[in-house]
Amino acid sequence: MSTDDDNARKSGFSWQRIVPLLVLAAGLIAFFAFGLDDYLTFETLRENRAWLLQQVAESALLAAFVYMGIYILVVAFSLPGGAVMTITGGFLFGQWLGTAYVLVAATIGATILFIAAKTALGDLLRAKAGPFLK
């Protein structure tokens, strides 16, 4: 390995490590830039109530996967609207299935966020807290 690679590893900085944070930041910016925050509201849920319930009735499995996919994105990108998404799950799928879908999707989203942060900042933070952690 070259000296530059060793220095980059010791300093904790690498452009490759920053990519996950850049993706998360771009997703958050795009969410607001495209006005998607207007859709994660109780008003939108109320206005589209009949259509959403019809989609669940026609294809419950597809609706569950779409719901969980959106929930994963909300958590992974740290978007506002988690409370709306949680209540929507219970409303659309019932108390027990809604809770299961929320738990699975929230866990996957949080894991994605954790891995992105660990990849980008883990070595840097570990180096700064080195003596304390040992």
N, C-alpha and C. Protein backbone atom coordinates (compact mmCIF):
# COMPACT_ATOMS: atom_id res chain seq x y z
N MET A 1 0.84 -1.19 0.00
CA MET A 1 0.00 0.00 0.00
C MET A 1 0.87 1.23 0.00
N SER A 2 0.34 2.27 -0.55
CA SER A 2 1.10 3.50 -0.61
C SER A 2 0.95 4.31 0.67
N THR A 3 1.83 5.28 0.82
CA THR A 3 1.79 6.15 1.99
C THR A 3 0.51 6.98 2.02
N ASP A 4 0.05 7.41 0.83
CA ASP A 4 -1.19 8.20 0.76
C ASP A 4 -2.38 7.40 1.28
N ASP A 5 -2.43 6.11 0.92
CA ASP A 5 -3.52 5.26 1.42
C ASP A 5 -3.47 5.12 2.93
N ASP A 6 -2.24 4.95 3.47
CA ASP A 6 -2.09 4.83 4.92
C ASP A 6 -2.50 6.12 5.62
N ASN A 7 -2.12 7.26 5.06
CA ASN A 7 -2.48 8.54 5.66
C ASN A 7 -3.98 8.76 5.62
N ALA A 8 -4.62 8.39 4.51
CA ALA A 8 -6.07 8.55 4.41
C ALA A 8 -6.78 7.66 5.42
N ARG A 9 -6.26 6.44 5.59
CA ARG A 9 -6.89 5.53 6.55
C ARG A 9 -6.72 6.04 7.98
N LYS A 10 -5.55 6.56 8.30
CA LYS A 10 -5.30 7.07 9.64
C LYS A 10 -6.13 8.31 9.93
N SER A 11 -6.28 9.18 8.94
CA SER A 11 -7.05 10.41 9.17
C SER A 11 -8.54 10.14 9.18
N GLY A 12 -8.97 8.99 8.63
CA GLY A 12 -10.38 8.65 8.62
C GLY A 12 -11.14 9.26 7.46
N PHE A 13 -10.43 9.99 6.58
CA PHE A 13 -11.13 10.63 5.47
C PHE A 13 -10.85 9.88 4.18
N SER A 14 -11.91 9.64 3.45
CA SER A 14 -11.83 9.04 2.13
C SER A 14 -13.09 9.43 1.39
N TRP A 15 -12.94 9.81 0.14
CA TRP A 15 -14.13 10.20 -0.63
C TRP A 15 -15.10 9.03 -0.76
N GLN A 16 -14.57 7.83 -0.84
CA GLN A 16 -15.44 6.65 -0.94
C GLN A 16 -16.28 6.47 0.32
N ARG A 17 -15.74 6.86 1.45
CA ARG A 17 -16.48 6.74 2.70
C ARG A 17 -17.57 7.79 2.82
N ILE A 18 -17.40 8.91 2.17
CA ILE A 18 -18.35 10.01 2.26
C ILE A 18 -19.57 9.80 1.36
N VAL A 19 -19.44 8.93 0.36
CA VAL A 19 -20.52 8.72 -0.61
C VAL A 19 -21.86 8.39 0.06
N PRO A 20 -21.92 7.48 1.05
CA PRO A 20 -23.23 7.21 1.67
C PRO A 20 -23.87 8.46 2.29
N LEU A 21 -23.07 9.30 2.92
CA LEU A 21 -23.62 10.54 3.49
C LEU A 21 -24.09 11.49 2.41
N LEU A 22 -23.36 11.55 1.30
CA LEU A 22 -23.78 12.40 0.19
C LEU A 22 -25.11 11.91 -0.41
N VAL A 23 -25.27 10.60 -0.51
CA VAL A 23 -26.53 10.04 -1.01
C VAL A 23 -27.68 10.39 -0.07
N LEU A 24 -27.45 10.26 1.23
CA LEU A 24 -28.50 10.60 2.20
C LEU A 24 -28.84 12.09 2.15
N ALA A 25 -27.82 12.93 2.04
CA ALA A 25 -28.06 14.38 1.95
C ALA A 25 -28.81 14.72 0.67
N ALA A 26 -28.42 14.10 -0.44
CA ALA A 26 -29.10 14.35 -1.71
C ALA A 26 -30.56 13.91 -1.65
N GLY A 27 -30.82 12.79 -1.01
CA GLY A 27 -32.20 12.32 -0.86
C GLY A 27 -33.04 13.27 -0.03
N LEU A 28 -32.46 13.78 1.05
CA LEU A 28 -33.18 14.73 1.90
C LEU A 28 -33.47 16.03 1.14
N ILE A 29 -32.48 16.52 0.42
CA ILE A 29 -32.67 17.75 -0.36
C ILE A 29 -33.72 17.53 -1.45
N ALA A 30 -33.65 16.40 -2.15
CA ALA A 30 -34.61 16.11 -3.21
C ALA A 30 -36.03 16.00 -2.66
N PHE A 31 -36.16 15.43 -1.47
CA PHE A 31 -37.47 15.29 -0.84
C PHE A 31 -38.18 16.64 -0.72
N PHE A 32 -37.44 17.64 -0.26
CA PHE A 32 -38.03 18.98 -0.11
C PHE A 32 -38.09 19.72 -1.44
N ALA A 33 -37.08 19.54 -2.30
CA ALA A 33 -37.04 20.24 -3.58
C ALA A 33 -38.22 19.84 -4.48
N PHE A 34 -38.61 18.58 -4.43
CA PHE A 34 -39.72 18.11 -5.26
C PHE A 34 -41.06 18.22 -4.56
N GLY A 35 -41.08 18.78 -3.37
CA GLY A 35 -42.33 19.00 -2.65
C GLY A 35 -42.97 17.73 -2.13
N LEU A 36 -42.19 16.70 -1.92
CA LEU A 36 -42.75 15.44 -1.44
C LEU A 36 -43.24 15.53 0.00
N ASP A 37 -42.77 16.54 0.72
CA ASP A 37 -43.23 16.72 2.10
C ASP A 37 -44.72 17.04 2.17
N ASP A 38 -45.29 17.51 1.06
CA ASP A 38 -46.73 17.79 1.01
C ASP A 38 -47.56 16.50 1.05
N TYR A 39 -46.94 15.37 0.73
CA TYR A 39 -47.67 14.10 0.67
C TYR A 39 -47.64 13.32 1.98
N LEU A 40 -46.72 13.65 2.86
CA LEU A 40 -46.64 12.95 4.14
C LEU A 40 -47.35 13.74 5.22
N THR A 41 -48.64 13.90 5.03
CA THR A 41 -49.45 14.66 5.98
C THR A 41 -50.74 13.91 6.27
N PHE A 42 -51.36 14.26 7.39
CA PHE A 42 -52.65 13.66 7.73
C PHE A 42 -53.73 14.10 6.75
N GLU A 43 -53.60 15.31 6.21
CA GLU A 43 -54.58 15.80 5.23
C GLU A 43 -54.56 14.93 3.97
N THR A 44 -53.37 14.59 3.51
CA THR A 44 -53.25 13.73 2.33
C THR A 44 -53.83 12.36 2.62
N LEU A 45 -53.58 11.84 3.80
CA LEU A 45 -54.16 10.55 4.19
C LEU A 45 -55.68 10.62 4.18
N ARG A 46 -56.23 11.70 4.73
CA ARG A 46 -57.68 11.86 4.77
C ARG A 46 -58.26 11.98 3.35
N GLU A 47 -57.60 12.77 2.50
CA GLU A 47 -58.10 12.98 1.14
C GLU A 47 -58.04 11.72 0.28
N ASN A 48 -57.08 10.85 0.54
CA ASN A 48 -56.89 9.65 -0.28
C ASN A 48 -57.31 8.37 0.43
N ARG A 49 -58.07 8.52 1.48
CA ARG A 49 -58.50 7.39 2.31
C ARG A 49 -59.14 6.27 1.50
N ALA A 50 -60.13 6.60 0.70
CA ALA A 50 -60.87 5.58 -0.05
C ALA A 50 -59.96 4.87 -1.05
N TRP A 51 -59.14 5.62 -1.76
CA TRP A 51 -58.25 5.03 -2.75
C TRP A 51 -57.23 4.10 -2.09
N LEU A 52 -56.66 4.53 -0.97
CA LEU A 52 -55.68 3.71 -0.27
C LEU A 52 -56.30 2.41 0.23
N LEU A 53 -57.48 2.50 0.82
CA LEU A 53 -58.16 1.29 1.30
C LEU A 53 -58.51 0.36 0.14
N GLN A 54 -58.86 0.91 -1.00
CA GLN A 54 -59.16 0.11 -2.19
C GLN A 54 -57.90 -0.63 -2.66
N GLN A 55 -56.76 0.04 -2.65
CA GLN A 55 -55.51 -0.59 -3.06
C GLN A 55 -55.14 -1.75 -2.13
N VAL A 56 -55.35 -1.56 -0.85
CA VAL A 56 -55.06 -2.63 0.11
C VAL A 56 -56.02 -3.80 -0.11
N ALA A 57 -57.30 -3.51 -0.36
CA ALA A 57 -58.29 -4.56 -0.58
C ALA A 57 -57.99 -5.34 -1.85
N GLU A 58 -57.53 -4.66 -2.90
CA GLU A 58 -57.28 -5.32 -4.18
C GLU A 58 -55.98 -6.12 -4.18
N SER A 59 -54.96 -5.61 -3.51
CA SER A 59 -53.67 -6.29 -3.51
C SER A 59 -52.94 -5.99 -2.21
N ALA A 60 -53.31 -6.72 -1.17
CA ALA A 60 -52.77 -6.46 0.16
C ALA A 60 -51.26 -6.67 0.23
N LEU A 61 -50.76 -7.69 -0.44
CA LEU A 61 -49.33 -7.98 -0.39
C LEU A 61 -48.52 -6.87 -1.08
N LEU A 62 -48.94 -6.46 -2.27
CA LEU A 62 -48.26 -5.38 -2.97
C LEU A 62 -48.35 -4.08 -2.17
N ALA A 63 -49.50 -3.80 -1.62
CA ALA A 63 -49.68 -2.59 -0.81
C ALA A 63 -48.76 -2.61 0.39
N ALA A 64 -48.61 -3.77 1.02
CA ALA A 64 -47.73 -3.88 2.18
C ALA A 64 -46.28 -3.63 1.80
N PHE A 65 -45.84 -4.18 0.68
CA PHE A 65 -44.46 -3.98 0.23
C PHE A 65 -44.21 -2.52 -0.16
N VAL A 66 -45.16 -1.90 -0.82
CA VAL A 66 -45.01 -0.49 -1.19
C VAL A 66 -44.96 0.37 0.07
N TYR A 67 -45.86 0.10 1.00
CA TYR A 67 -45.89 0.84 2.26
C TYR A 67 -44.55 0.70 3.00
N MET A 68 -44.07 -0.54 3.12
CA MET A 68 -42.82 -0.75 3.84
C MET A 68 -41.64 -0.12 3.10
N GLY A 69 -41.66 -0.14 1.78
CA GLY A 69 -40.60 0.51 1.02
C GLY A 69 -40.55 2.01 1.27
N ILE A 70 -41.71 2.62 1.29
CA ILE A 70 -41.77 4.06 1.58
C ILE A 70 -41.33 4.32 3.01
N TYR A 71 -41.76 3.50 3.94
CA TYR A 71 -41.37 3.68 5.34
C TYR A 71 -39.86 3.53 5.51
N ILE A 72 -39.27 2.56 4.83
CA ILE A 72 -37.82 2.38 4.88
C ILE A 72 -37.11 3.65 4.40
N LEU A 73 -37.58 4.22 3.31
CA LEU A 73 -36.98 5.45 2.78
C LEU A 73 -37.12 6.61 3.76
N VAL A 74 -38.29 6.72 4.38
CA VAL A 74 -38.52 7.80 5.35
C VAL A 74 -37.53 7.70 6.50
N VAL A 75 -37.32 6.49 7.01
CA VAL A 75 -36.40 6.31 8.13
C VAL A 75 -34.95 6.46 7.67
N ALA A 76 -34.58 5.81 6.57
CA ALA A 76 -33.19 5.83 6.12
C ALA A 76 -32.72 7.24 5.77
N PHE A 77 -33.59 8.04 5.18
CA PHE A 77 -33.23 9.40 4.81
C PHE A 77 -33.57 10.41 5.90
N SER A 78 -34.03 9.92 7.04
CA SER A 78 -34.41 10.78 8.18
C SER A 78 -35.39 11.87 7.77
N LEU A 79 -36.39 11.48 7.03
CA LEU A 79 -37.40 12.42 6.54
C LEU A 79 -38.46 12.65 7.61
N PRO A 80 -39.01 13.85 7.64
CA PRO A 80 -40.13 14.07 8.56
C PRO A 80 -41.36 13.31 8.06
N GLY A 81 -42.13 12.80 8.95
CA GLY A 81 -43.33 12.08 8.55
C GLY A 81 -43.41 10.68 9.12
N GLY A 82 -42.51 10.34 10.02
CA GLY A 82 -42.55 9.01 10.61
C GLY A 82 -43.84 8.73 11.36
N ALA A 83 -44.34 9.73 12.07
CA ALA A 83 -45.59 9.55 12.82
C ALA A 83 -46.76 9.32 11.87
N VAL A 84 -46.79 10.08 10.79
CA VAL A 84 -47.86 9.91 9.79
C VAL A 84 -47.78 8.52 9.17
N MET A 85 -46.58 8.08 8.85
CA MET A 85 -46.41 6.75 8.26
C MET A 85 -46.81 5.64 9.23
N THR A 86 -46.49 5.79 10.49
CA THR A 86 -46.85 4.78 11.48
C THR A 86 -48.36 4.68 11.63
N ILE A 87 -49.02 5.80 11.75
CA ILE A 87 -50.48 5.81 11.88
C ILE A 87 -51.14 5.28 10.60
N THR A 88 -50.55 5.61 9.46
CA THR A 88 -51.08 5.11 8.19
C THR A 88 -51.01 3.58 8.14
N GLY A 89 -49.93 3.00 8.66
CA GLY A 89 -49.82 1.55 8.69
C GLY A 89 -50.93 0.90 9.48
N GLY A 90 -51.22 1.45 10.64
CA GLY A 90 -52.32 0.91 11.45
C GLY A 90 -53.66 1.10 10.78
N PHE A 91 -53.83 2.26 10.16
CA PHE A 91 -55.09 2.57 9.48
C PHE A 91 -55.34 1.63 8.30
N LEU A 92 -54.30 1.38 7.51
CA LEU A 92 -54.47 0.58 6.29
C LEU A 92 -54.49 -0.92 6.56
N PHE A 93 -53.66 -1.39 7.48
CA PHE A 93 -53.47 -2.82 7.63
C PHE A 93 -53.98 -3.39 8.95
N GLY A 94 -54.46 -2.53 9.81
CA GLY A 94 -54.94 -2.99 11.11
C GLY A 94 -53.82 -2.93 12.14
N GLN A 95 -54.23 -3.11 13.37
CA GLN A 95 -53.29 -2.94 14.49
C GLN A 95 -52.12 -3.92 14.42
N TRP A 96 -52.37 -5.19 14.21
CA TRP A 96 -51.31 -6.19 14.30
C TRP A 96 -50.42 -6.21 13.07
N LEU A 97 -51.02 -6.28 11.89
CA LEU A 97 -50.19 -6.27 10.68
C LEU A 97 -49.49 -4.92 10.51
N GLY A 98 -50.19 -3.84 10.81
CA GLY A 98 -49.59 -2.51 10.72
C GLY A 98 -48.37 -2.39 11.62
N THR A 99 -48.49 -2.90 12.84
CA THR A 99 -47.37 -2.87 13.78
C THR A 99 -46.20 -3.70 13.26
N ALA A 100 -46.49 -4.86 12.72
CA ALA A 100 -45.43 -5.72 12.18
C ALA A 100 -44.73 -5.04 11.01
N TYR A 101 -45.50 -4.46 10.10
CA TYR A 101 -44.90 -3.77 8.95
C TYR A 101 -44.05 -2.59 9.39
N VAL A 102 -44.54 -1.84 10.36
CA VAL A 102 -43.78 -0.68 10.87
C VAL A 102 -42.47 -1.15 11.51
N LEU A 103 -42.53 -2.18 12.32
CA LEU A 103 -41.32 -2.66 13.00
C LEU A 103 -40.27 -3.15 12.00
N VAL A 104 -40.70 -3.91 11.02
CA VAL A 104 -39.77 -4.43 10.02
C VAL A 104 -39.17 -3.27 9.21
N ALA A 105 -40.02 -2.38 8.72
CA ALA A 105 -39.55 -1.29 7.87
C ALA A 105 -38.67 -0.32 8.66
N ALA A 106 -39.05 0.00 9.88
CA ALA A 106 -38.25 0.92 10.69
C ALA A 106 -36.88 0.32 11.01
N THR A 107 -36.85 -0.98 11.27
CA THR A 107 -35.58 -1.65 11.56
C THR A 107 -34.67 -1.64 10.34
N ILE A 108 -35.22 -1.95 9.18
CA ILE A 108 -34.42 -1.95 7.95
C ILE A 108 -33.92 -0.53 7.65
N GLY A 109 -34.80 0.46 7.76
CA GLY A 109 -34.41 1.85 7.50
C GLY A 109 -33.33 2.32 8.45
N ALA A 110 -33.48 2.00 9.73
CA ALA A 110 -32.49 2.41 10.73
C ALA A 110 -31.16 1.69 10.49
N THR A 111 -31.21 0.45 10.05
CA THR A 111 -29.99 -0.29 9.75
C THR A 111 -29.25 0.34 8.58
N ILE A 112 -29.98 0.73 7.57
CA ILE A 112 -29.37 1.40 6.41
C ILE A 112 -28.71 2.70 6.85
N LEU A 113 -29.40 3.47 7.67
CA LEU A 113 -28.85 4.74 8.16
C LEU A 113 -27.61 4.47 9.02
N PHE A 114 -27.66 3.48 9.88
CA PHE A 114 -26.51 3.14 10.73
C PHE A 114 -25.31 2.74 9.89
N ILE A 115 -25.52 1.89 8.90
CA ILE A 115 -24.41 1.44 8.06
C ILE A 115 -23.81 2.61 7.29
N ALA A 116 -24.65 3.50 6.79
CA ALA A 116 -24.13 4.68 6.07
C ALA A 116 -23.29 5.55 6.99
N ALA A 117 -23.77 5.79 8.19
CA ALA A 117 -23.02 6.61 9.14
C ALA A 117 -21.74 5.92 9.59
N LYS A 118 -21.82 4.63 9.84
CA LYS A 118 -20.64 3.88 10.27
C LYS A 118 -19.59 3.85 9.17
N THR A 119 -20.01 3.68 7.93
CA THR A 119 -19.08 3.66 6.81
C THR A 119 -18.38 5.00 6.67
N ALA A 120 -19.15 6.08 6.79
CA ALA A 120 -18.59 7.41 6.57
C ALA A 120 -17.81 7.93 7.77
N LEU A 121 -18.27 7.66 8.96
CA LEU A 121 -17.70 8.32 10.14
C LEU A 121 -17.12 7.38 11.18
N GLY A 122 -17.31 6.09 11.03
CA GLY A 122 -16.91 5.14 12.07
C GLY A 122 -15.45 5.21 12.45
N ASP A 123 -14.55 5.13 11.46
CA ASP A 123 -13.12 5.15 11.77
C ASP A 123 -12.68 6.49 12.34
N LEU A 124 -13.23 7.56 11.81
CA LEU A 124 -12.88 8.90 12.30
C LEU A 124 -13.28 9.06 13.77
N LEU A 125 -14.50 8.67 14.10
CA LEU A 125 -14.95 8.79 15.49
C LEU A 125 -14.21 7.83 16.41
N ARG A 126 -13.91 6.64 15.92
CA ARG A 126 -13.17 5.68 16.71
C ARG A 126 -11.76 6.21 17.01
N ALA A 127 -11.14 6.86 16.03
CA ALA A 127 -9.80 7.41 16.23
C ALA A 127 -9.82 8.56 17.25
N LYS A 128 -10.86 9.38 17.19
CA LYS A 128 -10.95 10.51 18.12
C LYS A 128 -11.25 10.04 19.53
N ALA A 129 -12.01 8.98 19.69
CA ALA A 129 -12.39 8.50 21.01
C ALA A 129 -11.52 7.34 21.46
N GLY A 130 -10.46 7.03 20.71
CA GLY A 130 -9.61 5.88 20.96
C GLY A 130 -9.30 5.56 22.39
N PRO A 131 -8.63 6.44 23.13
CA PRO A 131 -8.27 6.10 24.50
C PRO A 131 -9.49 5.88 25.39
N PHE A 132 -10.53 6.63 25.16
CA PHE A 132 -11.74 6.51 25.98
C PHE A 132 -12.41 5.14 25.77
N LEU A 133 -12.46 4.70 24.51
CA LEU A 133 -13.11 3.42 24.21
C LEU A 133 -12.31 2.23 24.73
N LYS A 134 -10.98 2.35 24.74
CA LYS A 134 -10.16 1.24 25.20
C LYS A 134 -10.31 1.09 26.70
